[in-house]
PDB file of N, CA and C in Angstrom:
ATOM      1  N   MET A   1      99.064  94.532  88.384  1.00  0.00           N
ATOM      2  CA  MET A   1      97.752  93.604  89.129  1.00  0.00           C
ATOM      3  C   MET A   1      96.502  93.908  88.311  1.00  0.00           C
ATOM      4  N   PRO A   2      95.787  92.715  88.044  1.00  0.00           N
ATOM      5  CA  PRO A   2      95.204  92.841  86.840  1.00  0.00           C
ATOM      6  C   PRO A   2      93.720  93.328  88.115  1.00  0.00           C
ATOM      7  N   ILE A   3      92.868  94.432  87.271  1.00  0.00           N
ATOM      8  CA  ILE A   3      91.560  95.085  88.225  1.00  0.00           C
ATOM      9  C   ILE A   3      90.232  94.286  87.796  1.00  0.00           C
ATOM     10  N   GLU A   4      90.201  94.008  89.763  1.00  0.00           N
ATOM     11  CA  GLU A   4      88.845  93.013  89.522  1.00  0.00           C
ATOM     12  C   GLU A   4      87.678  93.021  89.413  1.00  0.00           C
ATOM     13  N   SER A   5      87.783  94.476  89.918  1.00  0.00           N
ATOM     14  CA  SER A   5      85.735  95.674  90.153  1.00  0.00           C
ATOM     15  C   SER A   5      86.273  96.715  89.242  1.00  0.00           C
ATOM     16  N   GLU A   6      85.151  96.984  89.367  1.00  0.00           N
ATOM     17  CA  GLU A   6      84.760  98.729  88.867  1.00  0.00           C
ATOM     18  C   GLU A   6      85.088  99.831  89.702  1.00  0.00           C
ATOM     19  N   GLN A   7      85.086  99.481  90.501  1.00  0.00           N
ATOM     20  CA  GLN A   7      85.897 100.127  91.218  1.00  0.00           C
ATOM     21  C   GLN A   7      87.146 100.355  91.325  1.00  0.00           C
ATOM     22  N   GLU A   8      88.126  99.601  91.527  1.00  0.00           N
ATOM     23  CA  GLU A   8      89.217  99.422  90.669  1.00  0.00           C
ATOM     24  C   GLU A   8      89.799 100.187  89.413  1.00  0.00           C
ATOM     25  N   LEU A   9      88.219  99.423  88.491  1.00  0.00           N
ATOM     26  CA  LEU A   9      88.753 100.194  87.093  1.00  0.00           C
ATOM     27  C   LEU A   9      88.615 101.405  87.446  1.00  0.00           C
ATOM     28  N   GLU A  10      87.780 102.360  87.977  1.00  0.00           N
ATOM     29  CA  GLU A  10      88.010 103.880  88.450  1.00  0.00           C
ATOM     30  C   GLU A  10      88.435 103.764  88.566  1.00  0.00           C
ATOM     31  N   GLN A  11      89.122 103.827  90.023  1.00  0.00           N
ATOM     32  CA  GLN A  11      91.047 103.883  90.126  1.00  0.00           C
ATOM     33  C   GLN A  11      91.741 104.071  89.431  1.00  0.00           C
ATOM     34  N   ALA A  12      92.176 102.721  88.514  1.00  0.00           N
ATOM     35  CA  ALA A  12      92.638 102.878  88.039  1.00  0.00           C
ATOM     36  C   ALA A  12      92.566 103.802  86.566  1.00  0.00           C
ATOM     37  N   VAL A  13      91.893 104.201  86.080  1.00  0.00           N
ATOM     38  CA  VAL A  13      91.389 105.546  84.776  1.00  0.00           C
ATOM     39  C   VAL A  13      91.696 106.695  85.758  1.00  0.00           C
ATOM     40  N   GLN A  14      91.634 107.193  87.072  1.00  0.00           N
ATOM     41  CA  GLN A  14      91.927 107.791  87.237  1.00  0.00           C
ATOM     42  C   GLN A  14      93.018 108.447  87.700  1.00  0.00           C
ATOM     43  N   GLU A  15      93.932 107.601  87.882  1.00  0.00           N
ATOM     44  CA  GLU A  15      95.461 107.590  88.074  1.00  0.00           C
ATOM     45  C   GLU A  15      96.224 107.598  86.058  1.00  0.00           C
ATOM     46  N   PHE A  16      95.471 106.925  85.617  1.00  0.00           N
ATOM     47  CA  PHE A  16      95.993 106.785  84.047  1.00  0.00           C
ATOM     48  C   PHE A  16      96.132 108.099  83.514  1.00  0.00           C
ATOM     49  N   GLN A  17      94.984 108.743  84.022  1.00  0.00           N
ATOM     50  CA  GLN A  17      94.415 110.449  83.482  1.00  0.00           C
ATOM     51  C   GLN A  17      95.780 111.273  84.391  1.00  0.00           C
ATOM     52  N   ARG A  18      95.818 111.180  85.433  1.00  0.00           N
ATOM     53  CA  ARG A  18      96.771 111.853  85.678  1.00  0.00           C
ATOM     54  C   ARG A  18      97.713 111.772  85.741  1.00  0.00           C
ATOM     55  N   LEU A  19      98.351 111.065  85.009  1.00  0.00           N
ATOM     56  CA  LEU A  19      99.799 110.259  84.444  1.00  0.00           C
ATOM     57  C   LEU A  19      99.910 110.653  83.079  1.00  0.00           C
ATOM     58  N   SER A  20      98.579 111.281  82.412  1.00  0.00           N
ATOM     59  CA  SER A  20      98.825 111.434  81.147  1.00  0.00           C
ATOM     60  C   SER A  20      99.597 112.453  80.215  1.00  0.00           C
ATOM     61  N   ASP A  21     100.710 113.368  80.942  1.00  0.00           N
ATOM     62  CA  ASP A  21     101.559 113.918  80.244  1.00  0.00           C
ATOM     63  C   ASP A  21     102.875 113.413  80.631  1.00  0.00           C
ATOM     64  N   ALA A  22     103.321 112.051  81.611  1.00  0.00           N
ATOM     65  CA  ALA A  22     104.087 111.346  81.792  1.00  0.00           C
ATOM     66  C   ALA A  22     105.066 111.353  80.683  1.00  0.00           C
ATOM     67  N   PRO A  23     106.310 111.295  80.969  1.00  0.00           N
ATOM     68  CA  PRO A  23     107.434 111.412  79.721  1.00  0.00           C
ATOM     69  C   PRO A  23     108.000 109.621  79.069  1.00  0.00           C
ATOM     70  N   GLU A  24     107.604 109.376  78.261  1.00  0.00           N
ATOM     71  CA  GLU A  24     107.588 107.681  78.052  1.00  0.00           C
ATOM     72  C   GLU A  24     108.667 107.302  78.134  1.00  0.00           C
ATOM     73  N   GLY A  25     109.147 106.123  78.553  1.00  0.00           N
ATOM     74  CA  GLY A  25     110.600 105.767  79.634  1.00  0.00           C
ATOM     75  C   GLY A  25     110.838 106.211  81.071  1.00  0.00           C
ATOM     76  N   SER A  26     109.990 107.398  81.727  1.00  0.00           N
ATOM     77  CA  SER A  26     109.911 107.712  83.246  1.00  0.00           C
ATOM     78  C   SER A  26     109.365 106.638  83.967  1.00  0.00           C
ATOM     79  N   GLU A  27     108.969 106.960  85.137  1.00  0.00           N
ATOM     80  CA  GLU A  27     108.639 105.629  85.981  1.00  0.00           C
ATOM     81  C   GLU A  27     107.515 105.978  85.996  1.00  0.00           C
ATOM     82  N   GLU A  28     106.645 107.532  85.613  1.00  0.00           N
ATOM     83  CA  GLU A  28     105.245 107.449  86.124  1.00  0.00           C
ATOM     84  C   GLU A  28     104.813 107.143  84.564  1.00  0.00           C
ATOM     85  N   GLY A  29     106.023 107.118  83.256  1.00  0.00           N
ATOM     86  CA  GLY A  29     105.455 106.550  82.100  1.00  0.00           C
ATOM     87  C   GLY A  29     105.051 105.299  82.219  1.00  0.00           C
ATOM     88  N   ARG A  30     106.144 104.533  82.525  1.00  0.00           N
ATOM     89  CA  ARG A  30     106.212 103.131  83.175  1.00  0.00           C
ATOM     90  C   ARG A  30     104.575 102.131  83.560  1.00  0.00           C
ATOM     91  N   ARG A  31     104.366 103.302  84.312  1.00  0.00           N
ATOM     92  CA  ARG A  31     102.895 102.970  85.257  1.00  0.00           C
ATOM     93  C   ARG A  31     102.213 103.341  83.983  1.00  0.00           C
ATOM     94  N   ARG A  32     102.073 104.251  83.597  1.00  0.00           N
ATOM     95  CA  ARG A  32     100.750 104.260  82.744  1.00  0.00           C
ATOM     96  C   ARG A  32     100.639 103.391  81.516  1.00  0.00           C
ATOM     97  N   SER A  33     102.024 103.032  81.207  1.00  0.00           N
ATOM     98  CA  SER A  33     101.690 101.301  80.359  1.00  0.00           C
ATOM     99  C   SER A  33     100.702 100.663  81.181  1.00  0.00           C
ATOM    100  N   VAL A  34     101.447 100.331  82.317  1.00  0.00           N
ATOM    101  CA  VAL A  34     100.916  98.842  82.843  1.00  0.00           C
ATOM    102  C   VAL A  34      99.712  99.465  82.955  1.00  0.00           C
ATOM    103  N   LEU A  35      99.104 100.429  83.572  1.00  0.00           N
ATOM    104  CA  LEU A  35      97.929 100.873  83.311  1.00  0.00           C
ATOM    105  C   LEU A  35      97.002 100.882  82.490  1.00  0.00           C
ATOM    106  N   ASP A  36      97.273 101.202  80.939  1.00  0.00           N
ATOM    107  CA  ASP A  36      96.479 100.935  80.044  1.00  0.00           C
ATOM    108  C   ASP A  36      96.346  99.455  79.794  1.00  0.00           C
ATOM    109  N   ALA A  37      97.668  98.842  79.931  1.00  0.00           N
ATOM    110  CA  ALA A  37      97.177  97.224  79.243  1.00  0.00           C
ATOM    111  C   ALA A  37      96.395  96.525  80.383  1.00  0.00           C
ATOM    112  N   ASP A  38      96.525  96.798  81.442  1.00  0.00           N
ATOM    113  CA  ASP A  38      95.465  96.439  82.549  1.00  0.00           C
ATOM    114  C   ASP A  38      94.039  96.733  82.820  1.00  0.00           C
ATOM    115  N   ILE A  39      93.921  98.043  81.938  1.00  0.00           N
ATOM    116  CA  ILE A  39      92.432  98.494  81.732  1.00  0.00           C
ATOM    117  C   ILE A  39      91.951  97.905  80.710  1.00  0.00           C
ATOM    118  N   LYS A  40      92.693  97.997  80.089  1.00  0.00           N
ATOM    119  CA  LYS A  40      92.347  97.428  78.246  1.00  0.00           C
ATOM    120  C   LYS A  40      92.075  95.929  78.703  1.00  0.00           C
ATOM    121  N   SER A  41      92.587  95.261  79.352  1.00  0.00           N
ATOM    122  CA  SER A  41      92.320  93.732  80.215  1.00  0.00           C
ATOM    123  C   SER A  41      91.101  93.768  80.410  1.00  0.00           C
ATOM    124  N   TYR A  42      90.462  94.327  81.232  1.00  0.00           N
ATOM    125  CA  TYR A  42      89.055  93.953  82.475  1.00  0.00           C
ATOM    126  C   TYR A  42      88.520  94.619  81.408  1.00  0.00           C
ATOM    127  N   TYR A  43      88.525  95.728  80.825  1.00  0.00           N
ATOM    128  CA  TYR A  43      87.061  95.605  79.426  1.00  0.00           C
ATOM    129  C   TYR A  43      86.988  95.163  78.894  1.00  0.00           C
ATOM    130  N   ALA A  44      88.124  93.791  77.880  1.00  0.00           N
ATOM    131  CA  ALA A  44      88.467  92.863  77.223  1.00  0.00           C
ATOM    132  C   ALA A  44      87.408  92.026  78.002  1.00  0.00           C
ATOM    133  N   ARG A  45      87.926  91.366  79.148  1.00  0.00           N
ATOM    134  CA  ARG A  45      87.272  90.384  80.057  1.00  0.00           C
ATOM    135  C   ARG A  45      85.672  90.478  80.496  1.00  0.00           C
ATOM    136  N   CYS A  46      85.125  91.624  80.411  1.00  0.00           N
ATOM    137  CA  CYS A  46      84.063  92.393  81.219  1.00  0.00           C
ATOM    138  C   CYS A  46      83.432  93.142  80.711  1.00  0.00           C
ATOM    139  N   ALA A  47      83.317  93.883  79.593  1.00  0.00           N
ATOM    140  CA  ALA A  47      82.512  94.432  78.830  1.00  0.00           C
ATOM    141  C   ALA A  47      80.943  94.208  78.733  1.00  0.00           C
ATOM    142  N   ASP A  48      80.833  93.189  78.608  1.00  0.00           N
ATOM    143  CA  ASP A  48      79.466  92.133  78.517  1.00  0.00           C
ATOM    144  C   ASP A  48      78.711  92.655  79.582  1.00  0.00           C
ATOM    145  N   THR A  49      79.293  92.810  81.057  1.00  0.00           N
ATOM    146  CA  THR A  49      78.374  92.796  82.345  1.00  0.00           C
ATOM    147  C   THR A  49      78.846  94.317  83.045  1.00  0.00           C
ATOM    148  N   MET A  50      79.599  95.167  82.339  1.00  0.00           N
ATOM    149  CA  MET A  50      79.473  96.458  82.897  1.00  0.00           C
ATOM    150  C   MET A  50      78.003  97.228  83.143  1.00  0.00           C
ATOM    151  N   ARG A  51      78.056  97.878  84.036  1.00  0.00           N
ATOM    152  CA  ARG A  51      76.888  98.663  83.954  1.00  0.00           C
ATOM    153  C   ARG A  51      77.270 100.014  83.162  1.00  0.00           C
ATOM    154  N   PRO A  52      76.587 100.659  82.620  1.00  0.00           N
ATOM    155  CA  PRO A  52      76.569 101.965  81.336  1.00  0.00           C
ATOM    156  C   PRO A  52      77.413 102.655  81.669  1.00  0.00           C
ATOM    157  N   ALA A  53      77.986 103.853  80.961  1.00  0.00           N
ATOM    158  CA  ALA A  53      78.757 104.737  81.599  1.00  0.00           C
ATOM    159  C   ALA A  53      78.106 105.707  82.526  1.00  0.00           C
ATOM    160  N   LYS A  54      78.326 106.743  83.305  1.00  0.00           N
ATOM    161  CA  LYS A  54      77.916 108.152  83.575  1.00  0.00           C
ATOM    162  C   LYS A  54      77.857 108.676  82.279  1.00  0.00           C
ATOM    163  N   PRO A  55      76.285 109.514  82.184  1.00  0.00           N
ATOM    164  CA  PRO A  55      76.554 110.493  81.016  1.00  0.00           C
ATOM    165  C   PRO A  55      77.233 111.565  81.398  1.00  0.00           C
ATOM    166  N   PRO A  56      78.192 112.425  80.307  1.00  0.00           N
ATOM    167  CA  PRO A  56      78.529 113.203  80.809  1.00  0.00           C
ATOM    168  C   PRO A  56      77.867 114.420  81.113  1.00  0.00           C
ATOM    169  N   SER A  57      78.578 114.999  81.792  1.00  0.00           N
ATOM    170  CA  SER A  57      77.768 116.789  82.941  1.00  0.00           C
ATOM    171  C   SER A  57      77.635 117.653  81.955  1.00  0.00           C
ATOM    172  N   THR A  58      76.250 117.852  81.852  1.00  0.00           N
ATOM    173  CA  THR A  58      76.733 119.348  80.629  1.00  0.00           C
ATOM    174  C   THR A  58      76.589 120.692  81.897  1.00  0.00           C
ATOM    175  N   GLY A  59      76.721 122.127  81.524  1.00  0.00           N
ATOM    176  CA  GLY A  59      76.401 122.896  82.095  1.00  0.00           C
ATOM    177  C   GLY A  59      77.456 124.258  82.405  1.00  0.00           C
TER     178      GLY A  59
END
């Protein structure tokens, strides 16, 4: 499902990160691949209109 908003993007990135250790070919690995494609597609469509990223926290 295409990502349509920055809120959906944040949710997709969080899920992608949660699935980072999923084995290739597993259901979770396939989900990670779909999320990767959706995230890249969103950035390609919307990069010029996105708000700047939050700076990394230091502490």
